[in-house]
Amino acid sequence: MKLLSLNVGRPRAVPYTDHPRGVTGIDKQPVDGPVRVAAPGPKGVGASGLAGDAVCDLRHHGGNDQAVYAVAREDLDDWGRELGRPLASGSFGENLTTEGLDVSGARIGEHWRVGSEVVLEVTCGRVPCRTFQGHLGEQRWVKRFTQKGAPGAYLRVIEPGEIRAGDPIEIVHRPDHEVTVALAFRAETTERTLLPRVLAASDALHPELLEMAEKYVARQGG
């Protein structure tokens, strides 16, 4: 398992975002050199966990619980076959394009060591938005991406440091529950009846998803 590509984005004006200034950092491009990774701060204040990477809409993106976004190269290739065109690393706005790692099958709370210094923790899947659809230029993209159920993973920074393309990725902690990114994503989007199951991941969940699950259980109990 390794970091195949390390991708960062710069702010760019586009017609398909609802950001007040009409800019987005979703267009991530591979970089060769080392990049510093650290917790960026709470949502609404902190942006990307990668130095030099733009996160423009802090209402919905960035912050400690969505500091880094990872997508498997294998999933990009699968989508490429379905869409009939190749998808470059970074095409989904991911910071980390991995090889040999089942990203959507990772468990919430799983820890990955990337290179020799950085440790990341899996928190949730990526819920698609209008900006993502506009960036890909595919009709019904939000629905299609959601139905496929392989959203990639957002991660917290547990131990900061530098990473670069080619670094090995090692799973150094795997929780004993069965709540995967894919299951949590389905619970959040298309199958709300799964929400009670995601509570097994407890505080490792993204706080917004944890709150959603707790409220759902409380309503059912009432």
Protein backbone atom coordinates (compact mmCIF):
# COMPACT_ATOMS: atom_id res chain seq x y z
CA MET A 1 0.00 0.00 0.00
CA LYS A 2 1.36 3.39 -0.89
CA LEU A 3 0.65 7.03 -1.58
CA LEU A 4 0.58 7.02 -5.35
CA SER A 5 -0.04 10.76 -5.77
CA LEU A 6 -0.09 13.76 -3.41
CA ASN A 7 -2.41 16.49 -4.69
CA VAL A 8 -3.04 20.12 -3.72
CA GLY A 9 -5.26 22.82 -5.19
CA ARG A 10 -5.23 26.57 -5.66
CA PRO A 11 -8.31 28.82 -5.54
CA ARG A 12 -9.99 29.05 -8.93
CA ALA A 13 -13.05 30.99 -10.07
CA VAL A 14 -15.75 28.72 -11.55
CA PRO A 15 -19.43 29.10 -12.48
CA TYR A 16 -20.62 25.99 -10.63
CA THR A 17 -20.02 26.75 -6.96
CA ASP A 18 -22.24 28.47 -4.41
CA HIS A 19 -19.26 29.97 -2.61
CA PRO A 20 -19.94 33.69 -2.06
CA ARG A 21 -16.86 34.64 -4.11
CA GLY A 22 -17.40 31.93 -6.73
CA VAL A 23 -14.10 30.17 -6.07
CA THR A 24 -13.15 26.58 -5.27
CA GLY A 25 -10.02 24.58 -4.50
CA ILE A 26 -11.39 21.28 -5.81
CA ASP A 27 -9.02 21.16 -8.79
CA LYS A 28 -6.17 19.28 -7.10
CA GLN A 29 -2.94 18.69 -9.00
CA PRO A 30 -0.11 16.26 -8.16
CA VAL A 31 3.03 17.65 -6.53
CA ASP A 32 6.45 16.04 -6.35
CA GLY A 33 8.06 17.45 -3.23
CA PRO A 34 7.28 16.91 0.43
CA VAL A 35 4.19 18.59 1.88
CA ARG A 36 3.63 19.41 5.55
CA VAL A 37 0.50 17.85 7.06
CA ALA A 38 -1.01 19.13 10.31
CA ALA A 39 -4.39 19.63 11.97
CA PRO A 40 -5.79 22.87 10.49
CA GLY A 41 -8.18 23.88 13.28
CA PRO A 42 -11.93 23.49 13.82
CA LYS A 43 -14.44 23.49 10.99
CA GLY A 44 -15.38 26.97 9.88
CA VAL A 45 -11.93 28.26 10.80
CA GLY A 46 -9.43 25.62 9.71
CA ALA A 47 -9.05 24.75 6.04
CA SER A 48 -6.91 21.94 4.61
CA GLY A 49 -4.49 19.83 6.59
CA LEU A 50 -1.95 20.11 3.76
CA ALA A 51 0.28 23.14 3.50
CA GLY A 52 -0.39 25.05 0.29
CA ASP A 53 -3.74 23.38 -0.38
CA ALA A 54 -6.80 25.59 -0.80
CA VAL A 55 -10.15 24.90 0.83
CA CYS A 56 -12.36 27.84 -0.07
CA ASP A 57 -15.79 27.06 1.34
CA LEU A 58 -15.17 26.61 5.05
CA ARG A 59 -18.90 26.22 5.69
CA HIS A 60 -18.86 22.69 4.29
CA HIS A 61 -15.22 21.66 3.90
CA GLY A 62 -11.97 21.54 5.82
CA GLY A 63 -11.34 21.60 9.54
CA ASN A 64 -9.80 19.02 11.83
CA ASP A 65 -12.31 16.26 11.04
CA GLN A 66 -11.98 16.71 7.26
CA ALA A 67 -8.33 17.72 7.14
CA VAL A 68 -7.30 15.28 4.40
CA TYR A 69 -9.31 13.51 1.68
CA ALA A 70 -8.19 10.17 0.24
CA VAL A 71 -9.41 8.23 -2.81
CA ALA A 72 -8.20 4.86 -4.08
CA ARG A 73 -6.61 4.82 -7.52
CA GLU A 74 -8.56 1.63 -8.10
CA ASP A 75 -11.85 3.51 -7.60
CA LEU A 76 -10.78 6.25 -10.02
CA ASP A 77 -9.96 3.58 -12.61
CA ASP A 78 -13.33 1.91 -12.05
CA TRP A 79 -15.10 5.22 -12.59
CA GLY A 80 -12.94 5.90 -15.62
CA ARG A 81 -14.12 2.71 -17.26
CA GLU A 82 -17.74 3.60 -16.47
CA LEU A 83 -17.42 7.17 -17.73
CA GLY A 84 -15.40 6.22 -20.77
CA ARG A 85 -12.47 8.53 -20.03
CA PRO A 86 -9.34 8.39 -17.89
CA LEU A 87 -9.40 10.18 -14.55
CA ALA A 88 -6.12 11.68 -13.42
CA SER A 89 -5.03 11.47 -9.81
CA GLY A 90 -6.63 14.40 -8.01
CA SER A 91 -9.72 14.33 -10.26
CA PHE A 92 -12.07 13.85 -7.31
CA GLY A 93 -10.46 16.70 -5.40
CA GLU A 94 -8.56 14.21 -3.25
CA ASN A 95 -5.34 15.05 -1.50
CA LEU A 96 -4.16 11.45 -1.34
CA THR A 97 -4.51 9.05 -4.25
CA THR A 98 -3.71 5.65 -2.79
CA GLU A 99 -2.69 2.33 -4.32
CA GLY A 100 -3.48 -1.07 -2.85
CA LEU A 101 -5.68 0.31 -0.06
CA ASP A 102 -9.44 -0.22 0.25
CA VAL A 103 -10.23 3.36 1.24
CA SER A 104 -14.03 3.11 1.32
CA GLY A 105 -13.73 -0.22 3.13
CA ALA A 106 -11.62 1.34 5.89
CA ARG A 107 -13.15 1.37 9.36
CA ILE A 108 -14.07 4.62 11.04
CA GLY A 109 -11.29 5.31 13.55
CA GLU A 110 -8.70 3.35 11.56
CA HIS A 111 -5.21 4.85 11.73
CA TRP A 112 -2.89 5.06 8.73
CA ARG A 113 0.80 5.85 8.93
CA VAL A 114 1.90 7.63 5.77
CA GLY A 115 5.64 7.75 5.34
CA SER A 116 7.68 7.81 8.54
CA GLU A 117 5.97 10.63 10.44
CA VAL A 118 2.31 11.24 9.66
CA VAL A 119 -0.58 9.33 11.25
CA LEU A 120 -4.13 9.93 10.00
CA GLU A 121 -7.49 8.76 11.38
CA VAL A 122 -10.50 7.86 9.21
CA THR A 123 -13.61 9.89 10.11
CA CYS A 124 -16.24 9.64 7.34
CA GLY A 125 -16.93 9.48 3.63
CA ARG A 126 -17.24 12.38 1.19
CA VAL A 127 -20.81 13.51 0.49
CA PRO A 128 -20.95 14.87 -3.09
CA CYS A 129 -22.06 18.42 -3.85
CA ARG A 130 -22.85 20.69 -6.78
CA THR A 131 -19.26 21.88 -7.01
CA PHE A 132 -18.06 18.27 -7.36
CA GLN A 133 -20.60 17.68 -10.12
CA GLY A 134 -19.58 20.82 -11.97
CA HIS A 135 -15.91 19.95 -11.66
CA LEU A 136 -16.44 16.48 -13.16
CA GLY A 137 -18.84 17.77 -15.82
CA GLU A 138 -21.02 14.67 -15.58
CA GLN A 139 -24.80 14.79 -15.57
CA ARG A 140 -26.54 13.40 -12.48
CA TRP A 141 -23.11 13.02 -10.91
CA VAL A 142 -24.23 13.59 -7.32
CA LYS A 143 -26.82 10.82 -7.61
CA ARG A 144 -24.49 8.44 -9.45
CA PHE A 145 -21.64 8.95 -7.00
CA THR A 146 -23.98 8.43 -4.06
CA GLN A 147 -25.50 5.27 -5.51
CA LYS A 148 -22.08 3.72 -6.10
CA GLY A 149 -21.27 4.03 -2.40
CA ALA A 150 -17.48 4.29 -2.69
CA PRO A 151 -16.97 7.83 -1.41
CA GLY A 152 -13.34 7.85 -0.36
CA ALA A 153 -12.40 8.87 3.16
CA TYR A 154 -11.87 12.05 5.12
CA LEU A 155 -9.16 11.89 7.77
CA ARG A 156 -7.97 13.69 10.89
CA VAL A 157 -4.30 14.38 11.51
CA ILE A 158 -3.21 12.49 14.63
CA GLU A 159 0.54 12.95 14.19
CA PRO A 160 1.78 15.77 11.91
CA GLY A 161 4.77 15.70 9.61
CA GLU A 162 5.79 15.62 5.98
CA ILE A 163 4.62 13.24 3.27
CA ARG A 164 5.39 12.84 -0.41
CA ALA A 165 4.25 10.77 -3.37
CA GLY A 166 5.58 7.23 -3.15
CA ASP A 167 5.46 7.02 0.64
CA PRO A 168 4.28 3.69 2.05
CA ILE A 169 0.94 3.56 3.85
CA GLU A 170 0.54 1.21 6.79
CA ILE A 171 -2.63 0.49 8.77
CA VAL A 172 -1.34 0.80 12.34
CA HIS A 173 -4.67 0.58 14.17
CA ARG A 174 -7.96 -1.02 13.14
CA PRO A 175 -10.93 -0.75 15.53
CA ASP A 176 -12.81 -3.90 16.48
CA HIS A 177 -16.19 -2.59 15.27
CA GLU A 178 -17.48 -3.15 11.71
CA VAL A 179 -18.41 0.43 10.78
CA THR A 180 -16.71 1.11 7.46
CA VAL A 181 -16.61 4.36 5.54
CA ALA A 182 -18.99 2.86 2.99
CA LEU A 183 -21.52 1.82 5.65
CA ALA A 184 -21.38 5.21 7.36
CA PHE A 185 -21.83 6.91 4.00
CA ARG A 186 -24.93 4.86 3.22
CA ALA A 187 -26.32 5.65 6.67
CA GLU A 188 -25.76 9.37 6.11
CA THR A 189 -27.20 9.48 2.58
CA THR A 190 -29.51 6.71 1.37
CA GLU A 191 -30.19 4.31 4.25
CA ARG A 192 -30.91 6.23 7.44
CA THR A 193 -32.03 3.01 9.13
CA LEU A 194 -28.32 2.14 9.35
CA LEU A 195 -27.60 5.12 11.60
CA PRO A 196 -27.89 3.16 14.87
CA ARG A 197 -25.14 0.83 13.65
CA VAL A 198 -22.64 3.63 13.10
CA LEU A 199 -22.74 4.55 16.79
CA ALA A 200 -20.40 1.61 17.37
CA ALA A 201 -17.65 3.88 16.01
CA SER A 202 -18.39 6.38 18.79
CA ASP A 203 -16.22 9.50 19.00
CA ALA A 204 -14.11 8.47 16.02
CA LEU A 205 -17.03 9.50 13.80
CA HIS A 206 -17.15 12.95 12.28
CA PRO A 207 -19.06 14.97 14.92
CA GLU A 208 -21.85 15.90 12.51
CA LEU A 209 -22.47 12.27 11.61
CA LEU A 210 -22.32 11.26 15.27
CA GLU A 211 -24.92 13.90 16.10
CA MET A 212 -27.13 12.74 13.23
CA ALA A 213 -27.00 9.14 14.45
CA GLU A 214 -27.71 10.09 18.05
CA LYS A 215 -30.71 12.21 17.07
CA TYR A 216 -32.07 9.41 14.89
CA VAL A 217 -31.80 6.88 17.71
CA ALA A 218 -33.45 9.33 20.13
CA ARG A 219 -36.38 9.83 17.75
CA GLN A 220 -36.80 6.11 17.26
CA GLY A 221 -36.74 5.56 20.99
CA GLY A 222 -39.40 8.21 21.48
